[in-house]
Amino acid sequence: MAIDVESLNPKQLADLIARANQRQNDLQREKLHEIREKIVHLVKKEGFTVDELFGAGRRPKRTVKPKYRNPVSPFETWTGRGKRPRWFSAALLAGKKEKDLLI
């Protein structure tokens, strides 16, 4: 099936390219699905699960201990990571130093 691209106008050529790209993506997705099925079958045949072999796919979140405590409201803490909480910024503006807010 030869297509004479010289005879196509720009709209037809763009449509052909879009369809070809879509077909290429579909073929790749089908191949990935086929390979994934083979792997799952082999893993099950050997008596394991995919999670045992590759892990659950995510690392467990590690909790970070708080580093700073709000002196006005002690249940509010901050680890020192990410955006500063308003109470922390307000305490600094009020003249406190970071070391004053350490736990």
Protein backbone atom coordinates (compact mmCIF):
# COMPACT_ATOMS: atom_id res chain seq x y z
CA MET A 1 0.00 0.00 0.00
CA ALA A 2 1.95 2.94 -1.29
CA ILE A 3 0.63 6.42 -0.66
CA ASP A 4 1.69 9.18 -3.00
CA VAL A 5 2.43 11.92 -0.48
CA GLU A 6 3.34 14.33 -3.28
CA SER A 7 -0.29 14.47 -4.37
CA LEU A 8 -1.67 15.27 -0.90
CA ASN A 9 -2.62 18.78 0.12
CA PRO A 10 -1.41 20.09 3.52
CA LYS A 11 -4.65 19.16 5.31
CA GLN A 12 -4.60 15.62 3.93
CA LEU A 13 -0.92 15.26 4.77
CA ALA A 14 -1.48 16.47 8.35
CA ASP A 15 -4.39 14.01 8.68
CA LEU A 16 -2.23 11.16 7.36
CA ILE A 17 0.56 12.01 9.80
CA ALA A 18 -1.87 12.19 12.73
CA ARG A 19 -3.39 8.83 11.82
CA ALA A 20 0.06 7.27 11.38
CA ASN A 21 1.18 8.59 14.78
CA GLN A 22 -2.00 7.27 16.39
CA ARG A 23 -1.49 3.86 14.80
CA GLN A 24 2.11 3.81 15.98
CA ASN A 25 0.99 4.60 19.54
CA ASP A 26 -1.69 1.91 19.37
CA LEU A 27 0.82 -0.70 18.21
CA GLN A 28 3.23 0.25 20.97
CA ARG A 29 0.46 0.07 23.58
CA GLU A 30 -0.57 -3.37 22.29
CA LYS A 31 3.03 -4.60 22.46
CA LEU A 32 3.42 -3.29 26.02
CA HIS A 33 0.20 -5.03 27.05
CA GLU A 34 1.40 -8.27 25.46
CA ILE A 35 4.77 -8.09 27.25
CA ARG A 36 3.10 -7.20 30.55
CA GLU A 37 0.82 -10.24 30.25
CA LYS A 38 3.82 -12.49 29.56
CA ILE A 39 5.63 -11.16 32.63
CA VAL A 40 2.59 -11.59 34.89
CA HIS A 41 2.08 -15.12 33.60
CA LEU A 42 5.74 -16.02 34.22
CA VAL A 43 5.73 -14.51 37.71
CA LYS A 44 2.55 -16.39 38.66
CA LYS A 45 3.93 -19.59 37.16
CA GLU A 46 6.96 -19.29 39.45
CA GLY A 47 4.69 -18.80 42.49
CA PHE A 48 5.20 -15.11 43.16
CA THR A 49 3.15 -11.96 42.81
CA VAL A 50 4.16 -8.91 40.81
CA ASP A 51 4.25 -6.85 44.02
CA GLU A 52 6.67 -9.33 45.60
CA LEU A 53 8.90 -9.12 42.57
CA PHE A 54 8.79 -5.39 41.83
CA GLY A 55 7.43 -3.91 45.05
CA ALA A 56 4.18 -2.06 45.44
CA GLY A 57 5.33 0.61 43.01
CA ARG A 58 5.61 3.39 45.55
CA ARG A 59 8.01 4.08 48.31
CA PRO A 60 6.27 4.47 51.63
CA LYS A 61 6.08 8.05 52.81
CA ARG A 62 8.52 8.75 55.57
CA THR A 63 7.35 11.07 58.27
CA VAL A 64 9.68 13.80 59.41
CA LYS A 65 9.79 14.84 63.03
CA PRO A 66 8.76 18.43 63.72
CA LYS A 67 11.62 20.84 64.27
CA TYR A 68 9.74 23.99 65.32
CA ARG A 69 6.79 24.60 67.64
CA ASN A 70 4.45 27.59 67.79
CA PRO A 71 4.91 29.15 71.25
CA VAL A 72 1.39 30.64 71.19
CA SER A 73 -0.33 27.45 70.10
CA PRO A 74 1.88 24.45 71.01
CA PHE A 75 -0.06 21.92 68.92
CA GLU A 76 1.15 23.69 65.75
CA THR A 77 4.51 22.40 64.58
CA TRP A 78 6.64 22.60 61.46
CA THR A 79 9.31 20.25 60.14
CA GLY A 80 11.34 23.01 58.53
CA ARG A 81 10.49 21.67 55.08
CA GLY A 82 8.29 23.34 52.53
CA LYS A 83 6.67 26.74 52.79
CA ARG A 84 6.92 28.47 56.14
CA PRO A 85 3.68 28.46 58.11
CA ARG A 86 2.11 31.82 58.90
CA TRP A 87 2.69 31.45 62.62
CA PHE A 88 6.42 30.92 61.98
CA SER A 89 6.72 34.01 59.79
CA ALA A 90 4.67 36.05 62.27
CA ALA A 91 6.92 34.97 65.15
CA LEU A 92 10.01 36.03 63.20
CA LEU A 93 8.43 39.40 62.44
CA ALA A 94 7.62 39.78 66.13
CA GLY A 95 11.33 39.55 66.94
CA LYS A 96 11.76 35.86 67.71
CA LYS A 97 14.69 33.97 66.23
CA GLU A 98 14.50 30.55 64.58
CA LYS A 99 16.43 29.01 67.49
CA ASP A 100 13.75 30.34 69.89
CA LEU A 101 11.14 28.24 68.09
CA LEU A 102 13.10 24.98 68.07
CA ILE A 103 11.53 22.05 69.87
